[in-house]
Amino acid sequence: MAPLAVIALAAGTGLRAYGQYQQGKAAEAQAKTEQQILEYNATLKEREAEAERRRAKVAAEQFGREGEALLAEQQVRFAKGGVLTEVGTPALVLEQTAQELDADRMRILEEGYLAGSFRESEAAGLRYRGRAARARGVNVRRGATLAAGGTLLTGIGQAAYVKSQLD
C-alpha cells in the first residue's frame, strides 16, 4: 500500500507540473496570436493613413480646379462689365480670391495629412501593444515553467519524505 501512495504522489505532482507548463505555453501562444492581430490592425491603420492622404490630395486638386474656374468666371464678369482686371480694386479682388482659394486648398491637404499622421500613430500604438502582449506571454511561459519545476521538486521531496516515513 505504501509504494502506491508514493506512486500516486509522484504522478499527481507530475500532472500538476505538466499542467502548469501547458498553461504557460498556452498563454504564450495566445499572446503571439494577440500580437499578430494587433500587427494586422496596425497594417490596416497604415493603409488608412495612405488613403486619407490620397483623398486629401484628390480633394485639393478638385478644389483647385473649381477655384480656377471661379477666378476665370470672376474675370469674365469683370470683362463683361467693361472693368479692367489688371489694376485697382478688381485686381485686388481677384488676388484676394486666389489667396483664399489657395489657403482653403492647403487646409484640405493639411487635414488629410494630419488624419494620415493620426492613423500612423494608431498603428504605432497597436504595434507597441503587440510587442507588450508578446513579452507578457513569454514571461508567463517562463514563470509557468519555473512553477512546474518547483512543483516537481516539491513533489519529489514530499514523495521522498513519505517513502522515508514508510520504510
N, C-alpha and C. Protein backbone atom coordinates (compact mmCIF):
# COMPACT_ATOMS: atom_id res chain seq x y z
N MET A 1 0.82 -1.19 0.00
CA MET A 1 0.00 0.00 0.00
C MET A 1 0.87 1.26 0.00
N ALA A 2 1.96 1.21 0.72
CA ALA A 2 2.83 2.37 0.83
C ALA A 2 3.43 2.77 -0.51
N PRO A 3 3.95 1.83 -1.30
CA PRO A 3 4.51 2.24 -2.58
C PRO A 3 3.44 2.88 -3.48
N LEU A 4 2.21 2.44 -3.33
CA LEU A 4 1.12 3.02 -4.13
C LEU A 4 0.93 4.50 -3.78
N ALA A 5 1.05 4.87 -2.52
CA ALA A 5 0.91 6.28 -2.10
C ALA A 5 2.03 7.11 -2.69
N VAL A 6 3.23 6.57 -2.68
CA VAL A 6 4.38 7.29 -3.24
C VAL A 6 4.18 7.48 -4.75
N ILE A 7 3.71 6.41 -5.41
CA ILE A 7 3.47 6.49 -6.86
C ILE A 7 2.38 7.51 -7.16
N ALA A 8 1.31 7.51 -6.39
CA ALA A 8 0.21 8.46 -6.59
C ALA A 8 0.67 9.89 -6.35
N LEU A 9 1.48 10.08 -5.32
CA LEU A 9 2.01 11.41 -5.04
C LEU A 9 2.90 11.87 -6.18
N ALA A 10 3.74 11.01 -6.67
CA ALA A 10 4.63 11.36 -7.78
C ALA A 10 3.83 11.64 -9.05
N ALA A 11 2.84 10.81 -9.33
CA ALA A 11 2.02 11.00 -10.54
C ALA A 11 1.24 12.31 -10.45
N GLY A 12 0.67 12.59 -9.31
CA GLY A 12 -0.07 13.85 -9.13
C GLY A 12 0.83 15.06 -9.29
N THR A 13 2.02 14.95 -8.75
CA THR A 13 2.99 16.04 -8.88
C THR A 13 3.36 16.24 -10.35
N GLY A 14 3.59 15.14 -11.03
CA GLY A 14 3.94 15.22 -12.45
C GLY A 14 2.82 15.85 -13.27
N LEU A 15 1.59 15.44 -13.00
CA LEU A 15 0.45 16.02 -13.73
C LEU A 15 0.28 17.50 -13.43
N ARG A 16 0.44 17.87 -12.18
CA ARG A 16 0.32 19.28 -11.80
C ARG A 16 1.39 20.11 -12.50
N ALA A 17 2.62 19.61 -12.53
CA ALA A 17 3.73 20.32 -13.18
C ALA A 17 3.48 20.41 -14.69
N TYR A 18 3.01 19.33 -15.27
CA TYR A 18 2.73 19.33 -16.71
C TYR A 18 1.62 20.34 -17.03
N GLY A 19 0.61 20.40 -16.20
CA GLY A 19 -0.48 21.36 -16.39
C GLY A 19 0.03 22.80 -16.32
N GLN A 20 0.88 23.08 -15.37
CA GLN A 20 1.46 24.42 -15.25
C GLN A 20 2.26 24.78 -16.50
N TYR A 21 3.05 23.81 -16.96
CA TYR A 21 3.86 24.04 -18.16
C TYR A 21 2.96 24.30 -19.36
N GLN A 22 1.91 23.52 -19.52
CA GLN A 22 0.99 23.69 -20.66
C GLN A 22 0.24 25.03 -20.58
N GLN A 23 -0.11 25.45 -19.37
CA GLN A 23 -0.75 26.76 -19.22
C GLN A 23 0.18 27.87 -19.68
N GLY A 24 1.45 27.74 -19.36
CA GLY A 24 2.43 28.73 -19.80
C GLY A 24 2.56 28.76 -21.30
N LYS A 25 2.61 27.59 -21.91
CA LYS A 25 2.70 27.52 -23.37
C LYS A 25 1.45 28.11 -24.02
N ALA A 26 0.29 27.82 -23.45
CA ALA A 26 -0.96 28.35 -23.99
C ALA A 26 -1.00 29.88 -23.88
N ALA A 27 -0.53 30.40 -22.76
CA ALA A 27 -0.50 31.86 -22.58
C ALA A 27 0.43 32.50 -23.59
N GLU A 28 1.56 31.87 -23.84
CA GLU A 28 2.50 32.41 -24.83
C GLU A 28 1.89 32.36 -26.23
N ALA A 29 1.22 31.27 -26.57
CA ALA A 29 0.59 31.15 -27.88
C ALA A 29 -0.52 32.19 -28.05
N GLN A 30 -1.29 32.40 -26.99
CA GLN A 30 -2.36 33.40 -27.03
C GLN A 30 -1.77 34.79 -27.22
N ALA A 31 -0.69 35.09 -26.54
CA ALA A 31 -0.04 36.40 -26.67
C ALA A 31 0.52 36.58 -28.07
N LYS A 32 1.06 35.52 -28.65
CA LYS A 32 1.58 35.59 -30.02
C LYS A 32 0.44 35.89 -30.99
N THR A 33 -0.69 35.23 -30.80
CA THR A 33 -1.86 35.48 -31.65
C THR A 33 -2.34 36.92 -31.49
N GLU A 34 -2.36 37.39 -30.25
CA GLU A 34 -2.77 38.78 -29.99
C GLU A 34 -1.83 39.74 -30.71
N GLN A 35 -0.54 39.46 -30.68
CA GLN A 35 0.42 40.31 -31.36
C GLN A 35 0.16 40.30 -32.87
N GLN A 36 -0.13 39.13 -33.42
CA GLN A 36 -0.40 39.04 -34.86
C GLN A 36 -1.65 39.83 -35.23
N ILE A 37 -2.67 39.77 -34.42
CA ILE A 37 -3.89 40.52 -34.67
C ILE A 37 -3.61 42.02 -34.62
N LEU A 38 -2.86 42.44 -33.61
CA LEU A 38 -2.52 43.86 -33.48
C LEU A 38 -1.64 44.32 -34.64
N GLU A 39 -0.75 43.48 -35.10
CA GLU A 39 0.09 43.82 -36.26
C GLU A 39 -0.77 43.98 -37.50
N TYR A 40 -1.73 43.10 -37.68
CA TYR A 40 -2.65 43.19 -38.82
C TYR A 40 -3.43 44.51 -38.75
N ASN A 41 -3.94 44.82 -37.56
CA ASN A 41 -4.69 46.07 -37.38
C ASN A 41 -3.80 47.29 -37.63
N ALA A 42 -2.53 47.20 -37.24
CA ALA A 42 -1.60 48.31 -37.48
C ALA A 42 -1.39 48.49 -38.98
N THR A 43 -1.28 47.40 -39.70
CA THR A 43 -1.13 47.48 -41.16
C THR A 43 -2.36 48.13 -41.78
N LEU A 44 -3.54 47.78 -41.27
CA LEU A 44 -4.77 48.42 -41.77
C LEU A 44 -4.76 49.92 -41.50
N LYS A 45 -4.29 50.31 -40.33
CA LYS A 45 -4.21 51.74 -39.99
C LYS A 45 -3.25 52.46 -40.94
N GLU A 46 -2.15 51.82 -41.28
CA GLU A 46 -1.21 52.44 -42.22
C GLU A 46 -1.85 52.60 -43.60
N ARG A 47 -2.63 51.61 -44.00
CA ARG A 47 -3.35 51.74 -45.28
C ARG A 47 -4.37 52.86 -45.21
N GLU A 48 -5.05 52.98 -44.07
CA GLU A 48 -6.00 54.08 -43.89
C GLU A 48 -5.28 55.42 -43.97
N ALA A 49 -4.09 55.49 -43.40
CA ALA A 49 -3.31 56.74 -43.44
C ALA A 49 -3.01 57.12 -44.88
N GLU A 50 -2.59 56.15 -45.65
CA GLU A 50 -2.29 56.42 -47.06
C GLU A 50 -3.54 56.84 -47.81
N ALA A 51 -4.66 56.19 -47.51
CA ALA A 51 -5.93 56.54 -48.15
C ALA A 51 -6.36 57.96 -47.78
N GLU A 52 -6.17 58.33 -46.52
CA GLU A 52 -6.51 59.69 -46.08
C GLU A 52 -5.71 60.72 -46.88
N ARG A 53 -4.43 60.44 -47.06
CA ARG A 53 -3.57 61.37 -47.81
C ARG A 53 -3.98 61.43 -49.29
N ARG A 54 -4.29 60.27 -49.86
CA ARG A 54 -4.72 60.26 -51.27
C ARG A 54 -6.02 61.03 -51.44
N ARG A 55 -6.99 60.80 -50.52
CA ARG A 55 -8.27 61.52 -50.59
C ARG A 55 -8.06 63.01 -50.48
N ALA A 56 -7.18 63.41 -49.58
CA ALA A 56 -6.91 64.83 -49.41
C ALA A 56 -6.29 65.42 -50.67
N LYS A 57 -5.38 64.69 -51.26
CA LYS A 57 -4.72 65.17 -52.47
C LYS A 57 -5.74 65.33 -53.60
N VAL A 58 -6.59 64.32 -53.78
CA VAL A 58 -7.62 64.38 -54.82
C VAL A 58 -8.58 65.53 -54.54
N ALA A 59 -9.02 65.67 -53.29
CA ALA A 59 -9.95 66.74 -52.93
C ALA A 59 -9.32 68.11 -53.16
N ALA A 60 -8.03 68.24 -52.81
CA ALA A 60 -7.34 69.52 -53.01
C ALA A 60 -7.20 69.83 -54.49
N GLU A 61 -6.90 68.83 -55.30
CA GLU A 61 -6.81 69.04 -56.74
C GLU A 61 -8.15 69.45 -57.32
N GLN A 62 -9.22 68.78 -56.89
CA GLN A 62 -10.57 69.12 -57.35
C GLN A 62 -10.92 70.55 -56.92
N PHE A 63 -10.62 70.87 -55.68
CA PHE A 63 -10.90 72.23 -55.18
C PHE A 63 -10.10 73.25 -55.97
N GLY A 64 -8.86 72.91 -56.30
CA GLY A 64 -8.03 73.82 -57.09
C GLY A 64 -8.64 74.09 -58.47
N ARG A 65 -9.13 73.03 -59.11
CA ARG A 65 -9.78 73.20 -60.42
C ARG A 65 -11.03 74.06 -60.31
N GLU A 66 -11.81 73.82 -59.27
CA GLU A 66 -13.02 74.62 -59.05
C GLU A 66 -12.66 76.07 -58.76
N GLY A 67 -11.58 76.26 -58.01
CA GLY A 67 -11.12 77.62 -57.71
C GLY A 67 -10.67 78.35 -58.97
N GLU A 68 -9.95 77.65 -59.84
CA GLU A 68 -9.53 78.27 -61.10
C GLU A 68 -10.74 78.66 -61.94
N ALA A 69 -11.74 77.81 -61.94
CA ALA A 69 -12.97 78.12 -62.68
C ALA A 69 -13.66 79.34 -62.09
N LEU A 70 -13.67 79.44 -60.77
CA LEU A 70 -14.28 80.60 -60.12
C LEU A 70 -13.53 81.88 -60.47
N LEU A 71 -12.21 81.82 -60.44
CA LEU A 71 -11.41 83.00 -60.81
C LEU A 71 -11.66 83.40 -62.26
N ALA A 72 -11.73 82.41 -63.12
CA ALA A 72 -11.99 82.70 -64.53
C ALA A 72 -13.37 83.33 -64.69
N GLU A 73 -14.33 82.83 -63.97
CA GLU A 73 -15.69 83.39 -64.03
C GLU A 73 -15.70 84.84 -63.53
N GLN A 74 -14.95 85.11 -62.46
CA GLN A 74 -14.85 86.49 -61.96
C GLN A 74 -14.25 87.40 -63.04
N GLN A 75 -13.21 86.93 -63.67
CA GLN A 75 -12.57 87.75 -64.71
C GLN A 75 -13.53 88.01 -65.87
N VAL A 76 -14.28 86.99 -66.24
CA VAL A 76 -15.26 87.17 -67.33
C VAL A 76 -16.32 88.19 -66.93
N ARG A 77 -16.81 88.12 -65.72
CA ARG A 77 -17.83 89.07 -65.27
C ARG A 77 -17.27 90.50 -65.26
N PHE A 78 -16.05 90.62 -64.77
CA PHE A 78 -15.43 91.96 -64.80
C PHE A 78 -15.30 92.44 -66.24
N ALA A 79 -14.84 91.56 -67.12
CA ALA A 79 -14.64 91.94 -68.51
C ALA A 79 -15.97 92.31 -69.17
N LYS A 80 -17.03 91.55 -68.90
CA LYS A 80 -18.35 91.86 -69.46
C LYS A 80 -18.84 93.22 -68.98
N GLY A 81 -18.43 93.58 -67.79
CA GLY A 81 -18.82 94.88 -67.24
C GLY A 81 -17.90 95.99 -67.71
N GLY A 82 -16.93 95.64 -68.52
CA GLY A 82 -16.01 96.65 -69.03
C GLY A 82 -14.99 97.11 -68.02
N VAL A 83 -14.72 96.29 -67.00
CA VAL A 83 -13.78 96.66 -65.94
C VAL A 83 -12.42 96.03 -66.24
N LEU A 84 -11.38 96.82 -66.12
CA LEU A 84 -10.02 96.29 -66.28
C LEU A 84 -9.65 95.50 -65.02
N THR A 85 -9.11 94.30 -65.21
CA THR A 85 -8.80 93.45 -64.06
C THR A 85 -7.33 93.47 -63.68
N GLU A 86 -6.52 94.24 -64.41
CA GLU A 86 -5.09 94.25 -64.12
C GLU A 86 -4.70 95.26 -63.05
N VAL A 87 -5.57 96.21 -62.75
CA VAL A 87 -5.25 97.27 -61.78
C VAL A 87 -6.43 97.55 -60.89
N GLY A 88 -6.15 98.19 -59.77
CA GLY A 88 -7.20 98.69 -58.89
C GLY A 88 -7.93 97.60 -58.12
N THR A 89 -9.15 97.93 -57.72
CA THR A 89 -9.97 97.05 -56.91
C THR A 89 -10.22 95.69 -57.56
N PRO A 90 -10.54 95.62 -58.86
CA PRO A 90 -10.76 94.31 -59.46
C PRO A 90 -9.52 93.41 -59.34
N ALA A 91 -8.35 93.96 -59.52
CA ALA A 91 -7.12 93.17 -59.39
C ALA A 91 -6.96 92.69 -57.95
N LEU A 92 -7.28 93.56 -56.99
CA LEU A 92 -7.20 93.17 -55.58
C LEU A 92 -8.21 92.08 -55.25
N VAL A 93 -9.42 92.19 -55.79
CA VAL A 93 -10.46 91.18 -55.54
C VAL A 93 -10.02 89.83 -56.10
N LEU A 94 -9.51 89.84 -57.32
CA LEU A 94 -9.03 88.59 -57.91
C LEU A 94 -7.87 87.99 -57.11
N GLU A 95 -6.95 88.84 -56.68
CA GLU A 95 -5.80 88.36 -55.90
C GLU A 95 -6.25 87.81 -54.56
N GLN A 96 -7.17 88.50 -53.89
CA GLN A 96 -7.66 88.04 -52.59
C GLN A 96 -8.41 86.71 -52.76
N THR A 97 -9.22 86.61 -53.80
CA THR A 97 -9.95 85.37 -54.05
C THR A 97 -8.96 84.22 -54.29
N ALA A 98 -7.92 84.47 -55.08
CA ALA A 98 -6.91 83.44 -55.36
C ALA A 98 -6.21 83.02 -54.07
N GLN A 99 -5.88 83.97 -53.21
CA GLN A 99 -5.20 83.64 -51.95
C GLN A 99 -6.11 82.82 -51.04
N GLU A 100 -7.37 83.20 -50.95
CA GLU A 100 -8.32 82.46 -50.10
C GLU A 100 -8.53 81.04 -50.63
N LEU A 101 -8.64 80.92 -51.95
CA LEU A 101 -8.80 79.60 -52.54
C LEU A 101 -7.57 78.73 -52.28
N ASP A 102 -6.40 79.31 -52.41
CA ASP A 102 -5.18 78.57 -52.17
C ASP A 102 -5.07 78.17 -50.69
N ALA A 103 -5.46 79.06 -49.80
CA ALA A 103 -5.43 78.74 -48.36
C ALA A 103 -6.39 77.59 -48.05
N ASP A 104 -7.58 77.62 -48.66
CA ASP A 104 -8.54 76.54 -48.44
C ASP A 104 -8.00 75.21 -49.00
N ARG A 105 -7.38 75.28 -50.16
CA ARG A 105 -6.80 74.07 -50.76
C ARG A 105 -5.71 73.51 -49.83
N MET A 106 -4.89 74.37 -49.28
CA MET A 106 -3.84 73.93 -48.37
C MET A 106 -4.44 73.34 -47.09
N ARG A 107 -5.55 73.90 -46.60
CA ARG A 107 -6.22 73.36 -45.41
C ARG A 107 -6.73 71.94 -45.68
N ILE A 108 -7.26 71.73 -46.89
CA ILE A 108 -7.73 70.39 -47.25
C ILE A 108 -6.56 69.41 -47.19
N LEU A 109 -5.44 69.78 -47.76
CA LEU A 109 -4.25 68.92 -47.73
C LEU A 109 -3.78 68.69 -46.30
N GLU A 110 -3.73 69.77 -45.54
CA GLU A 110 -3.24 69.67 -44.15
C GLU A 110 -4.11 68.74 -43.33
N GLU A 111 -5.43 68.87 -43.46
CA GLU A 111 -6.33 68.00 -42.70
C GLU A 111 -6.15 66.54 -43.09
N GLY A 112 -5.97 66.29 -44.38
CA GLY A 112 -5.75 64.92 -44.83
C GLY A 112 -4.44 64.35 -44.32
N TYR A 113 -3.41 65.15 -44.34
CA TYR A 113 -2.11 64.67 -43.86
C TYR A 113 -2.11 64.50 -42.34
N LEU A 114 -2.83 65.37 -41.64
CA LEU A 114 -2.95 65.20 -40.19
C LEU A 114 -3.72 63.93 -39.86
N ALA A 115 -4.80 63.68 -40.61
CA ALA A 115 -5.57 62.45 -40.40
C ALA A 115 -4.68 61.24 -40.68
N GLY A 116 -3.86 61.32 -41.72
CA GLY A 116 -2.94 60.23 -42.03
C GLY A 116 -1.93 60.02 -40.91
N SER A 117 -1.41 61.10 -40.38
CA SER A 117 -0.45 61.00 -39.28
C SER A 117 -1.09 60.39 -38.04
N PHE A 118 -2.35 60.74 -37.80
CA PHE A 118 -3.06 60.17 -36.66
C PHE A 118 -3.20 58.65 -36.84
N ARG A 119 -3.55 58.22 -38.04
CA ARG A 119 -3.66 56.78 -38.32
C ARG A 119 -2.31 56.08 -38.12
N GLU A 120 -1.24 56.72 -38.54
CA GLU A 120 0.09 56.13 -38.34
C GLU A 120 0.43 56.04 -36.86
N SER A 121 0.01 57.03 -36.08
CA SER A 121 0.22 56.98 -34.63
C SER A 121 -0.56 55.82 -34.02
N GLU A 122 -1.78 55.63 -34.51
CA GLU A 122 -2.57 54.49 -34.04
C GLU A 122 -1.86 53.17 -34.38
N ALA A 123 -1.30 53.10 -35.58
CA ALA A 123 -0.59 51.89 -35.99
C ALA A 123 0.61 51.64 -35.06
N ALA A 124 1.34 52.69 -34.74
CA ALA A 124 2.49 52.54 -33.85
C ALA A 124 2.04 52.06 -32.47
N GLY A 125 0.93 52.60 -31.99
CA GLY A 125 0.40 52.18 -30.69
C GLY A 125 -0.02 50.71 -30.70
N LEU A 126 -0.64 50.29 -31.79
CA LEU A 126 -1.04 48.88 -31.90
C LEU A 126 0.18 47.96 -31.92
N ARG A 127 1.21 48.37 -32.63
CA ARG A 127 2.43 47.55 -32.67
C ARG A 127 3.09 47.48 -31.28
N TYR A 128 3.07 48.60 -30.57
CA TYR A 128 3.63 48.60 -29.21
C TYR A 128 2.84 47.64 -28.32
N ARG A 129 1.51 47.71 -28.41
CA ARG A 129 0.68 46.80 -27.61
C ARG A 129 0.95 45.34 -27.99
N GLY A 130 1.20 45.09 -29.27
CA GLY A 130 1.51 43.74 -29.71
C GLY A 130 2.81 43.23 -29.12
N ARG A 131 3.83 44.10 -29.15
CA ARG A 131 5.12 43.69 -28.56
C ARG A 131 4.98 43.46 -27.06
N ALA A 132 4.19 44.30 -26.41
CA ALA A 132 3.98 44.13 -24.96
C ALA A 132 3.23 42.82 -24.68
N ALA A 133 2.24 42.51 -25.49
CA ALA A 133 1.49 41.26 -25.30
C ALA A 133 2.42 40.06 -25.49
N ARG A 134 3.24 40.14 -26.51
CA ARG A 134 4.17 39.03 -26.79
C ARG A 134 5.14 38.85 -25.62
N ALA A 135 5.69 39.94 -25.12
CA ALA A 135 6.62 39.87 -23.99
C ALA A 135 5.91 39.31 -22.76
N ARG A 136 4.67 39.73 -22.55
CA ARG A 136 3.90 39.24 -21.40
C ARG A 136 3.71 37.72 -21.53
N GLY A 137 3.41 37.25 -22.73
CA GLY A 137 3.23 35.81 -22.94
C GLY A 137 4.50 35.02 -22.68
N VAL A 138 5.62 35.56 -23.14
CA VAL A 138 6.91 34.89 -22.90
C VAL A 138 7.18 34.82 -21.41
N ASN A 139 6.91 35.92 -20.71
CA ASN A 139 7.15 35.94 -19.26
C ASN A 139 6.23 34.98 -18.52
N VAL A 140 4.97 34.88 -18.95
CA VAL A 140 4.05 33.94 -18.31
C VAL A 140 4.54 32.51 -18.53
N ARG A 141 4.99 32.21 -19.76
CA ARG A 141 5.51 30.86 -20.04
C ARG A 141 6.72 30.57 -19.16
N ARG A 142 7.63 31.53 -19.06
CA ARG A 142 8.82 31.32 -18.21
C ARG A 142 8.42 31.08 -16.76
N GLY A 143 7.49 31.89 -16.29
CA GLY A 143 7.03 31.73 -14.91
C GLY A 143 6.36 30.38 -14.70
N ALA A 144 5.56 29.95 -15.68
CA ALA A 144 4.89 28.65 -15.56
C ALA A 144 5.90 27.52 -15.59
N THR A 145 6.94 27.66 -16.41
CA THR A 145 7.98 26.63 -16.47
C THR A 145 8.70 26.54 -15.13
N LEU A 146 9.00 27.69 -14.55
CA LEU A 146 9.64 27.69 -13.21
C LEU A 146 8.71 27.11 -12.16
N ALA A 147 7.43 27.45 -12.24
CA ALA A 147 6.47 26.91 -11.27
C ALA A 147 6.37 25.40 -11.43
N ALA A 148 6.36 24.93 -12.68
CA ALA A 148 6.31 23.48 -12.91
C ALA A 148 7.54 22.80 -12.32
N GLY A 149 8.70 23.42 -12.51
CA GLY A 149 9.93 22.88 -11.92
C GLY A 149 9.84 22.85 -10.41
N GLY A 150 9.32 23.91 -9.84
CA GLY A 150 9.15 23.96 -8.38
C GLY A 150 8.18 22.92 -7.90
N THR A 151 7.11 22.72 -8.63
CA THR A 151 6.13 21.69 -8.26
C THR A 151 6.77 20.30 -8.29
N LEU A 152 7.56 20.05 -9.35
CA LEU A 152 8.25 18.75 -9.43
C LEU A 152 9.20 18.54 -8.25
N LEU A 153 9.99 19.56 -7.95
CA LEU A 153 10.93 19.43 -6.84
C LEU A 153 10.21 19.23 -5.51
N THR A 154 9.12 19.98 -5.31
CA THR A 154 8.34 19.82 -4.08
C THR A 154 7.75 18.43 -4.01
N GLY A 155 7.22 17.97 -5.14
CA GLY A 155 6.63 16.63 -5.18
C GLY A 155 7.66 15.55 -4.91
N ILE A 156 8.83 15.70 -5.49
CA ILE A 156 9.91 14.72 -5.25
C ILE A 156 10.27 14.71 -3.77
N GLY A 157 10.37 15.90 -3.22
CA GLY A 157 10.70 15.98 -1.78
C GLY A 157 9.62 15.35 -0.92
N GLN A 158 8.37 15.59 -1.26
CA GLN A 158 7.27 15.01 -0.49
C GLN A 158 7.25 13.49 -0.65
N ALA A 159 7.47 13.03 -1.88
CA ALA A 159 7.47 11.59 -2.12
C ALA A 159 8.60 10.94 -1.34
N ALA A 160 9.76 11.58 -1.35
CA ALA A 160 10.90 11.02 -0.61
C ALA A 160 10.61 10.98 0.89
N TYR A 161 9.96 12.03 1.38
CA TYR A 161 9.62 12.08 2.82
C TYR A 161 8.62 10.96 3.16
N VAL A 162 7.58 10.84 2.32
CA VAL A 162 6.58 9.79 2.58
C VAL A 162 7.25 8.42 2.54
N LYS A 163 8.11 8.20 1.56
CA LYS A 163 8.80 6.91 1.43
C LYS A 163 9.68 6.64 2.66
N SER A 164 10.36 7.69 3.14
CA SER A 164 11.22 7.50 4.30
C SER A 164 10.41 7.21 5.55
N GLN A 165 9.22 7.75 5.65
CA GLN A 165 8.37 7.50 6.80
C GLN A 165 7.80 6.08 6.77
N LEU A 166 7.63 5.56 5.57
CA LEU A 166 7.08 4.22 5.44
C LEU A 166 8.12 3.14 5.61
N ASP A 167 9.37 3.46 5.35
CA ASP A 167 10.43 2.45 5.48
C ASP A 167 10.78 2.20 6.89
